[in-house]
Amino acid sequence: MATSDRIRKLVSEHEIVLFMKGEPAAPKCGFSAGVVKVLEAVGRPYIGVDVLEDPFLREGLKEFSDWPTFPQVYVKGEFIGGADIMREMYASGELQALFSADAGA
C-alpha cells in the first residue's frame, strides 16, 4: 500500500489522528506532549501514530499535508495543524466547536 493511501486510510477511519514523535503515553518532544495535553483536555478518543518508527510515513506526511513539522493533527479527515494551531484553537474554543455538532447526535 502506498504511503499516501496508508495516511488516507488512517485519517478516514479515526475521528482524530495525532501523528507525533513518540506515543501519547510517552511523547518524545515537547510539541507532541503539548498536543497530547490539548487532546486529553478535549476528551475525545484519538489515536497517536509515532512517525519516528517509520521514515516513509514521516516523509510521506510532510508531502501529504504540505506541513514540514510534527506533530500533525487530523480531525474528521481534515488536516488541522501542529502544536501552536492546536493550542490556539483550544484556547479560543474553536477546537471544541469541531465536536459540538456531535454532542446532540
PDB file of N, CA and C in Angstrom:
ATOM      1  N   MET A   1       0.853  -1.179   0.000  1.00  0.00           N
ATOM      2  CA  MET A   1       0.000   0.000   0.000  1.00  0.00           C
ATOM      3  C   MET A   1       0.895   1.237   0.000  1.00  0.00           C
ATOM      4  N   ALA A   2       0.572   2.182  -0.863  1.00  0.00           N
ATOM      5  CA  ALA A   2       1.341   3.423  -0.943  1.00  0.00           C
ATOM      6  C   ALA A   2       1.203   4.207   0.362  1.00  0.00           C
ATOM      7  N   THR A   3       2.226   4.974   0.685  1.00  0.00           N
ATOM      8  CA  THR A   3       2.218   5.753   1.931  1.00  0.00           C
ATOM      9  C   THR A   3       1.018   6.691   1.986  1.00  0.00           C
ATOM     10  N   SER A   4       0.718   7.366   0.880  1.00  0.00           N
ATOM     11  CA  SER A   4      -0.422   8.292   0.883  1.00  0.00           C
ATOM     12  C   SER A   4      -1.729   7.549   1.130  1.00  0.00           C
ATOM     13  N   ASP A   5      -1.839   6.321   0.630  1.00  0.00           N
ATOM     14  CA  ASP A   5      -3.042   5.509   0.880  1.00  0.00           C
ATOM     15  C   ASP A   5      -3.132   5.113   2.350  1.00  0.00           C
ATOM     16  N   ARG A   6      -1.996   4.791   2.964  1.00  0.00           N
ATOM     17  CA  ARG A   6      -1.977   4.458   4.393  1.00  0.00           C
ATOM     18  C   ARG A   6      -2.447   5.645   5.224  1.00  0.00           C
ATOM     19  N   ILE A   7      -1.944   6.830   4.885  1.00  0.00           N
ATOM     20  CA  ILE A   7      -2.322   8.043   5.611  1.00  0.00           C
ATOM     21  C   ILE A   7      -3.814   8.303   5.437  1.00  0.00           C
ATOM     22  N   ARG A   8      -4.282   8.245   4.197  1.00  0.00           N
ATOM     23  CA  ARG A   8      -5.699   8.487   3.903  1.00  0.00           C
ATOM     24  C   ARG A   8      -6.582   7.517   4.681  1.00  0.00           C
ATOM     25  N   LYS A   9      -6.175   6.258   4.747  1.00  0.00           N
ATOM     26  CA  LYS A   9      -6.943   5.239   5.471  1.00  0.00           C
ATOM     27  C   LYS A   9      -6.991   5.567   6.969  1.00  0.00           C
ATOM     28  N   LEU A  10      -5.861   5.919   7.551  1.00  0.00           N
ATOM     29  CA  LEU A  10      -5.820   6.261   8.976  1.00  0.00           C
ATOM     30  C   LEU A  10      -6.723   7.445   9.304  1.00  0.00           C
ATOM     31  N   VAL A  11      -6.629   8.514   8.511  1.00  0.00           N
ATOM     32  CA  VAL A  11      -7.397   9.720   8.841  1.00  0.00           C
ATOM     33  C   VAL A  11      -8.877   9.568   8.526  1.00  0.00           C
ATOM     34  N   SER A  12      -9.218   8.606   7.680  1.00  0.00           N
ATOM     35  CA  SER A  12     -10.640   8.402   7.390  1.00  0.00           C
ATOM     36  C   SER A  12     -11.291   7.432   8.373  1.00  0.00           C
ATOM     37  N   GLU A  13     -10.504   6.558   8.988  1.00  0.00           N
ATOM     38  CA  GLU A  13     -11.058   5.553   9.906  1.00  0.00           C
ATOM     39  C   GLU A  13     -11.150   6.035  11.354  1.00  0.00           C
ATOM     40  N   HIS A  14     -10.495   7.143  11.688  1.00  0.00           N
ATOM     41  CA  HIS A  14     -10.469   7.631  13.062  1.00  0.00           C
ATOM     42  C   HIS A  14     -10.865   9.106  13.096  1.00  0.00           C
ATOM     43  N   GLU A  15     -11.665   9.480  14.076  1.00  0.00           N
ATOM     44  CA  GLU A  15     -12.113  10.864  14.174  1.00  0.00           C
ATOM     45  C   GLU A  15     -10.930  11.816  14.357  1.00  0.00           C
ATOM     46  N   ILE A  16     -10.001  11.455  15.239  1.00  0.00           N
ATOM     47  CA  ILE A  16      -8.824  12.286  15.500  1.00  0.00           C
ATOM     48  C   ILE A  16      -7.569  11.422  15.374  1.00  0.00           C
ATOM     49  N   VAL A  17      -6.626  11.886  14.562  1.00  0.00           N
ATOM     50  CA  VAL A  17      -5.342  11.197  14.427  1.00  0.00           C
ATOM     51  C   VAL A  17      -4.237  12.208  14.726  1.00  0.00           C
ATOM     52  N   LEU A  18      -3.371  11.825  15.637  1.00  0.00           N
ATOM     53  CA  LEU A  18      -2.211  12.637  16.003  1.00  0.00           C
ATOM     54  C   LEU A  18      -0.960  11.925  15.503  1.00  0.00           C
ATOM     55  N   PHE A  19      -0.335  12.493  14.488  1.00  0.00           N
ATOM     56  CA  PHE A  19       0.954  11.996  14.008  1.00  0.00           C
ATOM     57  C   PHE A  19       1.999  12.743  14.822  1.00  0.00           C
ATOM     58  N   MET A  20       2.754  11.998  15.614  1.00  0.00           N
ATOM     59  CA  MET A  20       3.617  12.622  16.610  1.00  0.00           C
ATOM     60  C   MET A  20       4.953  11.920  16.725  1.00  0.00           C
ATOM     61  N   LYS A  21       5.848  12.530  17.468  1.00  0.00           N
ATOM     62  CA  LYS A  21       7.116  11.893  17.817  1.00  0.00           C
ATOM     63  C   LYS A  21       6.885  11.197  19.150  1.00  0.00           C
ATOM     64  N   GLY A  22       6.950   9.882  19.136  1.00  0.00           N
ATOM     65  CA  GLY A  22       6.652   9.084  20.317  1.00  0.00           C
ATOM     66  C   GLY A  22       5.216   8.612  20.268  1.00  0.00           C
ATOM     67  N   GLU A  23       4.680   8.298  21.428  1.00  0.00           N
ATOM     68  CA  GLU A  23       3.286   7.869  21.517  1.00  0.00           C
ATOM     69  C   GLU A  23       2.622   8.658  22.640  1.00  0.00           C
ATOM     70  N   PRO A  24       1.294   8.686  22.696  1.00  0.00           N
ATOM     71  CA  PRO A  24       0.628   9.518  23.692  1.00  0.00           C
ATOM     72  C   PRO A  24       1.110   9.298  25.132  1.00  0.00           C
ATOM     73  N   ALA A  25       1.392   8.075  25.496  1.00  0.00           N
ATOM     74  CA  ALA A  25       1.842   7.789  26.861  1.00  0.00           C
ATOM     75  C   ALA A  25       3.297   8.202  27.095  1.00  0.00           C
ATOM     76  N   ALA A  26       4.053   8.382  26.011  1.00  0.00           N
ATOM     77  CA  ALA A  26       5.474   8.728  26.132  1.00  0.00           C
ATOM     78  C   ALA A  26       5.918   9.578  24.943  1.00  0.00           C
ATOM     79  N   PRO A  27       5.472  10.837  24.888  1.00  0.00           N
ATOM     80  CA  PRO A  27       5.896  11.716  23.788  1.00  0.00           C
ATOM     81  C   PRO A  27       7.412  11.904  23.806  1.00  0.00           C
ATOM     82  N   LYS A  28       7.996  12.065  22.616  1.00  0.00           N
ATOM     83  CA  LYS A  28       9.440  12.234  22.518  1.00  0.00           C
ATOM     84  C   LYS A  28       9.839  13.652  22.135  1.00  0.00           C
ATOM     85  N   CYS A  29       8.890  14.591  22.217  1.00  0.00           N
ATOM     86  CA  CYS A  29       9.227  16.006  22.041  1.00  0.00           C
ATOM     87  C   CYS A  29       8.168  16.842  22.747  1.00  0.00           C
ATOM     88  N   GLY A  30       8.558  18.037  23.120  1.00  0.00           N
ATOM     89  CA  GLY A  30       7.657  18.910  23.863  1.00  0.00           C
ATOM     90  C   GLY A  30       6.417  19.314  23.082  1.00  0.00           C
ATOM     91  N   PHE A  31       6.561  19.495  21.776  1.00  0.00           N
ATOM     92  CA  PHE A  31       5.405  19.885  20.965  1.00  0.00           C
ATOM     93  C   PHE A  31       4.377  18.764  20.919  1.00  0.00           C
ATOM     94  N   SER A  32       4.857  17.530  20.747  1.00  0.00           N
ATOM     95  CA  SER A  32       3.938  16.386  20.759  1.00  0.00           C
ATOM     96  C   SER A  32       3.268  16.259  22.121  1.00  0.00           C
ATOM     97  N   ALA A  33       4.037  16.450  23.195  1.00  0.00           N
ATOM     98  CA  ALA A  33       3.475  16.378  24.546  1.00  0.00           C
ATOM     99  C   ALA A  33       2.387  17.429  24.739  1.00  0.00           C
ATOM    100  N   GLY A  34       2.606  18.620  24.204  1.00  0.00           N
ATOM    101  CA  GLY A  34       1.622  19.686  24.317  1.00  0.00           C
ATOM    102  C   GLY A  34       0.324  19.359  23.618  1.00  0.00           C
ATOM    103  N   VAL A  35       0.417  18.746  22.444  1.00  0.00           N
ATOM    104  CA  VAL A  35      -0.796  18.384  21.712  1.00  0.00           C
ATOM    105  C   VAL A  35      -1.530  17.251  22.426  1.00  0.00           C
ATOM    106  N   VAL A  36      -0.797  16.316  23.005  1.00  0.00           N
ATOM    107  CA  VAL A  36      -1.427  15.253  23.785  1.00  0.00           C
ATOM    108  C   VAL A  36      -2.254  15.873  24.914  1.00  0.00           C
ATOM    109  N   LYS A  37      -1.686  16.868  25.594  1.00  0.00           N
ATOM    110  CA  LYS A  37      -2.413  17.533  26.694  1.00  0.00           C
ATOM    111  C   LYS A  37      -3.690  18.202  26.185  1.00  0.00           C
ATOM    112  N   VAL A  38      -3.600  18.862  25.042  1.00  0.00           N
ATOM    113  CA  VAL A  38      -4.775  19.510  24.462  1.00  0.00           C
ATOM    114  C   VAL A  38      -5.845  18.471  24.136  1.00  0.00           C
ATOM    115  N   LEU A  39      -5.434  17.388  23.479  1.00  0.00           N
ATOM    116  CA  LEU A  39      -6.409  16.364  23.101  1.00  0.00           C
ATOM    117  C   LEU A  39      -7.012  15.674  24.327  1.00  0.00           C
ATOM    118  N   GLU A  40      -6.206  15.465  25.356  1.00  0.00           N
ATOM    119  CA  GLU A  40      -6.735  14.879  26.586  1.00  0.00           C
ATOM    120  C   GLU A  40      -7.765  15.825  27.207  1.00  0.00           C
ATOM    121  N   ALA A  41      -7.505  17.129  27.151  1.00  0.00           N
ATOM    122  CA  ALA A  41      -8.430  18.113  27.711  1.00  0.00           C
ATOM    123  C   ALA A  41      -9.746  18.142  26.926  1.00  0.00           C
ATOM    124  N   VAL A  42      -9.670  17.918  25.621  1.00  0.00           N
ATOM    125  CA  VAL A  42     -10.876  17.889  24.791  1.00  0.00           C
ATOM    126  C   VAL A  42     -11.732  16.677  25.162  1.00  0.00           C
ATOM    127  N   GLY A  43     -11.063  15.577  25.521  1.00  0.00           N
ATOM    128  CA  GLY A  43     -11.786  14.405  25.997  1.00  0.00           C
ATOM    129  C   GLY A  43     -12.370  13.513  24.923  1.00  0.00           C
ATOM    130  N   ARG A  44     -11.906  13.646  23.702  1.00  0.00           N
ATOM    131  CA  ARG A  44     -12.377  12.780  22.617  1.00  0.00           C
ATOM    132  C   ARG A  44     -11.341  11.686  22.396  1.00  0.00           C
ATOM    133  N   PRO A  45     -11.801  10.489  21.992  1.00  0.00           N
ATOM    134  CA  PRO A  45     -10.827   9.439  21.684  1.00  0.00           C
ATOM    135  C   PRO A  45     -10.009   9.805  20.447  1.00  0.00           C
ATOM    136  N   TYR A  46      -8.750   9.445  20.481  1.00  0.00           N
ATOM    137  CA  TYR A  46      -7.875   9.709  19.341  1.00  0.00           C
ATOM    138  C   TYR A  46      -6.823   8.623  19.284  1.00  0.00           C
ATOM    139  N   ILE A  47      -6.167   8.524  18.138  1.00  0.00           N
ATOM    140  CA  ILE A  47      -5.036   7.601  18.042  1.00  0.00           C
ATOM    141  C   ILE A  47      -3.775   8.422  17.817  1.00  0.00           C
ATOM    142  N   GLY A  48      -2.690   7.942  18.390  1.00  0.00           N
ATOM    143  CA  GLY A  48      -1.387   8.544  18.184  1.00  0.00           C
ATOM    144  C   GLY A  48      -0.556   7.619  17.311  1.00  0.00           C
ATOM    145  N   VAL A  49       0.104   8.185  16.317  1.00  0.00           N
ATOM    146  CA  VAL A  49       0.951   7.410  15.411  1.00  0.00           C
ATOM    147  C   VAL A  49       2.362   7.971  15.518  1.00  0.00           C
ATOM    148  N   ASP A  50       3.303   7.108  15.899  1.00  0.00           N
ATOM    149  CA  ASP A  50       4.697   7.517  16.085  1.00  0.00           C
ATOM    150  C   ASP A  50       5.403   7.587  14.733  1.00  0.00           C
ATOM    151  N   VAL A  51       5.702   8.811  14.282  1.00  0.00           N
ATOM    152  CA  VAL A  51       6.357   8.981  12.984  1.00  0.00           C
ATOM    153  C   VAL A  51       7.838   8.613  13.033  1.00  0.00           C
ATOM    154  N   LEU A  52       8.403   8.493  14.228  1.00  0.00           N
ATOM    155  CA  LEU A  52       9.812   8.111  14.342  1.00  0.00           C
ATOM    156  C   LEU A  52      10.017   6.634  14.019  1.00  0.00           C
ATOM    157  N   GLU A  53       8.952   5.850  14.099  1.00  0.00           N
ATOM    158  CA  GLU A  53       9.037   4.413  13.826  1.00  0.00           C
ATOM    159  C   GLU A  53       9.057   4.104  12.326  1.00  0.00           C
ATOM    160  N   ASP A  54       8.651   5.056  11.493  1.00  0.00           N
ATOM    161  CA  ASP A  54       8.504   4.784  10.059  1.00  0.00           C
ATOM    162  C   ASP A  54       8.943   6.010   9.244  1.00  0.00           C
ATOM    163  N   PRO A  55      10.181   5.999   8.744  1.00  0.00           N
ATOM    164  CA  PRO A  55      10.675   7.155   7.987  1.00  0.00           C
ATOM    165  C   PRO A  55       9.868   7.422   6.712  1.00  0.00           C
ATOM    166  N   PHE A  56       9.289   6.388   6.102  1.00  0.00           N
ATOM    167  CA  PHE A  56       8.483   6.591   4.898  1.00  0.00           C
ATOM    168  C   PHE A  56       7.200   7.337   5.246  1.00  0.00           C
ATOM    169  N   LEU A  57       6.599   6.972   6.356  1.00  0.00           N
ATOM    170  CA  LEU A  57       5.400   7.655   6.822  1.00  0.00           C
ATOM    171  C   LEU A  57       5.722   9.106   7.176  1.00  0.00           C
ATOM    172  N   ARG A  58       6.826   9.303   7.889  1.00  0.00           N
ATOM    173  CA  ARG A  58       7.230  10.655   8.306  1.00  0.00           C
ATOM    174  C   ARG A  58       7.398  11.561   7.090  1.00  0.00           C
ATOM    175  N   GLU A  59       8.122  11.101   6.088  1.00  0.00           N
ATOM    176  CA  GLU A  59       8.343  11.919   4.889  1.00  0.00           C
ATOM    177  C   GLU A  59       7.063  12.040   4.066  1.00  0.00           C
ATOM    178  N   GLY A  60       6.299  10.973   3.990  1.00  0.00           N
ATOM    179  CA  GLY A  60       5.044  10.997   3.224  1.00  0.00           C
ATOM    180  C   GLY A  60       4.040  11.975   3.799  1.00  0.00           C
ATOM    181  N   LEU A  61       3.999  12.077   5.118  1.00  0.00           N
ATOM    182  CA  LEU A  61       3.073  13.009   5.762  1.00  0.00           C
ATOM    183  C   LEU A  61       3.408  14.459   5.443  1.00  0.00           C
ATOM    184  N   LYS A  62       4.689  14.764   5.393  1.00  0.00           N
ATOM    185  CA  LYS A  62       5.107  16.135   5.086  1.00  0.00           C
ATOM    186  C   LYS A  62       4.558  16.560   3.726  1.00  0.00           C
ATOM    187  N   GLU A  63       4.591  15.644   2.783  1.00  0.00           N
ATOM    188  CA  GLU A  63       4.077  15.929   1.444  1.00  0.00           C
ATOM    189  C   GLU A  63       2.545  15.901   1.434  1.00  0.00           C
ATOM    190  N   PHE A  64       1.959  14.918   2.111  1.00  0.00           N
ATOM    191  CA  PHE A  64       0.508  14.736   2.132  1.00  0.00           C
ATOM    192  C   PHE A  64      -0.196  15.965   2.704  1.00  0.00           C
ATOM    193  N   SER A  65       0.337  16.487   3.800  1.00  0.00           N
ATOM    194  CA  SER A  65      -0.302  17.616   4.477  1.00  0.00           C
ATOM    195  C   SER A  65       0.262  18.961   4.029  1.00  0.00           C
ATOM    196  N   ASP A  66       1.397  18.935   3.316  1.00  0.00           N
ATOM    197  CA  ASP A  66       2.116  20.153   2.961  1.00  0.00           C
ATOM    198  C   ASP A  66       2.481  20.928   4.229  1.00  0.00           C
ATOM    199  N   TRP A  67       2.929  20.178   5.238  1.00  0.00           N
ATOM    200  CA  TRP A  67       3.311  20.743   6.538  1.00  0.00           C
ATOM    201  C   TRP A  67       4.627  20.076   6.926  1.00  0.00           C
ATOM    202  N   PRO A  68       5.699  20.822   7.166  1.00  0.00           N
ATOM    203  CA  PRO A  68       7.026  20.218   7.314  1.00  0.00           C
ATOM    204  C   PRO A  68       7.371  19.637   8.684  1.00  0.00           C
ATOM    205  N   THR A  69       6.562  19.927   9.705  1.00  0.00           N
ATOM    206  CA  THR A  69       6.960  19.540  11.059  1.00  0.00           C
ATOM    207  C   THR A  69       5.912  18.647  11.729  1.00  0.00           C
ATOM    208  N   PHE A  70       6.307  18.122  12.874  1.00  0.00           N
ATOM    209  CA  PHE A  70       5.411  17.281  13.682  1.00  0.00           C
ATOM    210  C   PHE A  70       5.338  17.867  15.072  1.00  0.00           C
ATOM    211  N   PRO A  71       4.226  17.689  15.721  1.00  0.00           N
ATOM    212  CA  PRO A  71       3.080  16.837  15.400  1.00  0.00           C
ATOM    213  C   PRO A  71       2.189  17.440  14.310  1.00  0.00           C
ATOM    214  N   GLN A  72       1.346  16.538  13.759  1.00  0.00           N
ATOM    215  CA  GLN A  72       0.309  16.929  12.815  1.00  0.00           C
ATOM    216  C   GLN A  72      -0.986  16.288  13.284  1.00  0.00           C
ATOM    217  N   VAL A  73      -2.054  17.066  13.279  1.00  0.00           N
ATOM    218  CA  VAL A  73      -3.341  16.571  13.758  1.00  0.00           C
ATOM    219  C   VAL A  73      -4.368  16.627  12.639  1.00  0.00           C
ATOM    220  N   TYR A  74      -5.104  15.519  12.500  1.00  0.00           N
ATOM    221  CA  TYR A  74      -6.220  15.438  11.574  1.00  0.00           C
ATOM    222  C   TYR A  74      -7.480  15.209  12.390  1.00  0.00           C
ATOM    223  N   VAL A  75      -8.527  15.960  12.077  1.00  0.00           N
ATOM    224  CA  VAL A  75      -9.825  15.780  12.720  1.00  0.00           C
ATOM    225  C   VAL A  75     -10.852  15.554  11.622  1.00  0.00           C
ATOM    226  N   LYS A  76     -11.566  14.455  11.731  1.00  0.00           N
ATOM    227  CA  LYS A  76     -12.606  14.107  10.747  1.00  0.00           C
ATOM    228  C   LYS A  76     -12.056  14.142   9.322  1.00  0.00           C
ATOM    229  N   GLY A  77     -10.828  13.630   9.166  1.00  0.00           N
ATOM    230  CA  GLY A  77     -10.211  13.526   7.853  1.00  0.00           C
ATOM    231  C   GLY A  77      -9.552  14.787   7.341  1.00  0.00           C
ATOM    232  N   GLU A  78      -9.671  15.886   8.067  1.00  0.00           N
ATOM    233  CA  GLU A  78      -9.098  17.159   7.625  1.00  0.00           C
ATOM    234  C   GLU A  78      -7.850  17.498   8.438  1.00  0.00           C
ATOM    235  N   PHE A  79      -6.830  17.992   7.748  1.00  0.00           N
ATOM    236  CA  PHE A  79      -5.620  18.430   8.437  1.00  0.00           C
ATOM    237  C   PHE A  79      -5.928  19.710   9.201  1.00  0.00           C
ATOM    238  N   ILE A  80      -5.613  19.724  10.498  1.00  0.00           N
ATOM    239  CA  ILE A  80      -5.857  20.890  11.344  1.00  0.00           C
ATOM    240  C   ILE A  80      -4.589  21.716  11.513  1.00  0.00           C
ATOM    241  N   GLY A  81      -3.490  21.062  11.843  1.00  0.00           N
ATOM    242  CA  GLY A  81      -2.240  21.789  12.012  1.00  0.00           C
ATOM    243  C   GLY A  81      -1.354  21.138  13.050  1.00  0.00           C
ATOM    244  N   GLY A  82      -0.430  21.935  13.568  1.00  0.00           N
ATOM    245  CA  GLY A  82       0.536  21.444  14.535  1.00  0.00           C
ATOM    246  C   GLY A  82       0.261  21.972  15.930  1.00  0.00           C
ATOM    247  N   ALA A  83       1.301  22.002  16.751  1.00  0.00           N
ATOM    248  CA  ALA A  83       1.160  22.317  18.170  1.00  0.00           C
ATOM    249  C   ALA A  83       0.605  23.718  18.422  1.00  0.00           C
ATOM    250  N   ASP A  84       1.153  24.740  17.769  1.00  0.00           N
ATOM    251  CA  ASP A  84       0.695  26.108  18.015  1.00  0.00           C
ATOM    252  C   ASP A  84      -0.763  26.289  17.611  1.00  0.00           C
ATOM    253  N   ILE A  85      -1.125  25.762  16.468  1.00  0.00           N
ATOM    254  CA  ILE A  85      -2.502  25.883  15.989  1.00  0.00           C
ATOM    255  C   ILE A  85      -3.454  25.164  16.931  1.00  0.00           C
ATOM    256  N   MET A  86      -3.068  23.983  17.390  1.00  0.00           N
ATOM    257  CA  MET A  86      -3.931  23.227  18.309  1.00  0.00           C
ATOM    258  C   MET A  86      -4.129  23.992  19.619  1.00  0.00           C
ATOM    259  N   ARG A  87      -3.053  24.558  20.151  1.00  0.00           N
ATOM    260  CA  ARG A  87      -3.171  25.337  21.400  1.00  0.00           C
ATOM    261  C   ARG A  87      -4.079  26.549  21.216  1.00  0.00           C
ATOM    262  N   GLU A  88      -3.887  27.261  20.099  1.00  0.00           N
ATOM    263  CA  GLU A  88      -4.710  28.442  19.826  1.00  0.00           C
ATOM    264  C   GLU A  88      -6.176  28.063  19.650  1.00  0.00           C
ATOM    265  N   MET A  89      -6.438  26.988  18.913  1.00  0.00           N
ATOM    266  CA  MET A  89      -7.820  26.562  18.681  1.00  0.00           C
ATOM    267  C   MET A  89      -8.480  26.120  19.982  1.00  0.00           C
ATOM    268  N   TYR A  90      -7.724  25.462  20.848  1.00  0.00           N
ATOM    269  CA  TYR A  90      -8.278  25.035  22.132  1.00  0.00           C
ATOM    270  C   TYR A  90      -8.582  26.251  23.006  1.00  0.00           C
ATOM    271  N   ALA A  91      -7.656  27.187  23.075  1.00  0.00           N
ATOM    272  CA  ALA A  91      -7.823  28.375  23.912  1.00  0.00           C
ATOM    273  C   ALA A  91      -9.023  29.212  23.471  1.00  0.00           C
ATOM    274  N   SER A  92      -9.277  29.255  22.162  1.00  0.00           N
ATOM    275  CA  SER A  92     -10.381  30.068  21.645  1.00  0.00           C
ATOM    276  C   SER A  92     -11.720  29.326  21.671  1.00  0.00           C
ATOM    277  N   GLY A  93     -11.674  28.003  21.909  1.00  0.00           N
ATOM    278  CA  GLY A  93     -12.901  27.204  21.886  1.00  0.00           C
ATOM    279  C   GLY A  93     -13.222  26.649  20.511  1.00  0.00           C
ATOM    280  N   GLU A  94     -12.420  27.030  19.516  1.00  0.00           N
ATOM    281  CA  GLU A  94     -12.665  26.580  18.143  1.00  0.00           C
ATOM    282  C   GLU A  94     -12.507  25.068  18.002  1.00  0.00           C
ATOM    283  N   LEU A  95     -11.534  24.504  18.709  1.00  0.00           N
ATOM    284  CA  LEU A  95     -11.314  23.060  18.633  1.00  0.00           C
ATOM    285  C   LEU A  95     -12.512  22.300  19.194  1.00  0.00           C
ATOM    286  N   GLN A  96     -13.001  22.710  20.345  1.00  0.00           N
ATOM    287  CA  GLN A  96     -14.155  22.070  20.964  1.00  0.00           C
ATOM    288  C   GLN A  96     -15.386  22.195  20.049  1.00  0.00           C
ATOM    289  N   ALA A  97     -15.500  23.310  19.348  1.00  0.00           N
ATOM    290  CA  ALA A  97     -16.634  23.538  18.463  1.00  0.00           C
ATOM    291  C   ALA A  97     -16.671  22.530  17.315  1.00  0.00           C
ATOM    292  N   LEU A  98     -15.515  21.995  16.926  1.00  0.00           N
ATOM    293  CA  LEU A  98     -15.500  20.982  15.881  1.00  0.00           C
ATOM    294  C   LEU A  98     -16.305  19.752  16.270  1.00  0.00           C
ATOM    295  N   PHE A  99     -16.446  19.532  17.578  1.00  0.00           N
ATOM    296  CA  PHE A  99     -17.143  18.338  18.054  1.00  0.00           C
ATOM    297  C   PHE A  99     -18.522  18.642  18.609  1.00  0.00           C
ATOM    298  N   SER A 100     -18.885  19.916  18.746  1.00  0.00           N
ATOM    299  CA  SER A 100     -20.143  20.253  19.393  1.00  0.00           C
ATOM    300  C   SER A 100     -21.352  19.760  18.587  1.00  0.00           C
ATOM    301  N   ALA A 101     -21.229  19.685  17.276  1.00  0.00           N
ATOM    302  CA  ALA A 101     -22.333  19.186  16.449  1.00  0.00           C
ATOM    303  C   ALA A 101     -22.618  17.721  16.771  1.00  0.00           C
ATOM    304  N   ASP A 102     -21.571  16.983  17.200  1.00  0.00           N
ATOM    305  CA  ASP A 102     -21.740  15.565  17.538  1.00  0.00           C
ATOM    306  C   ASP A 102     -22.466  15.371  18.862  1.00  0.00           C
ATOM    307  N   ALA A 103     -22.410  16.367  19.725  1.00  0.00           N
ATOM    308  CA  ALA A 103     -22.977  16.221  21.072  1.00  0.00           C
ATOM    309  C   ALA A 103     -24.484  15.988  21.037  1.00  0.00           C
ATOM    310  N   GLY A 104     -25.177  16.616  20.102  1.00  0.00           N
ATOM    311  CA  GLY A 104     -26.612  16.452  20.020  1.00  0.00           C
ATOM    312  C   GLY A 104     -27.035  15.253  19.203  1.00  0.00           C
ATOM    313  N   ALA A 105     -26.112  14.608  18.560  1.00  0.00           N
ATOM    314  CA  ALA A 105     -26.452  13.494  17.671  1.00  0.00           C
ATOM    315  C   ALA A 105     -26.696  12.221  18.425  1.00  0.00           C
TER     316      ALA A 105
END
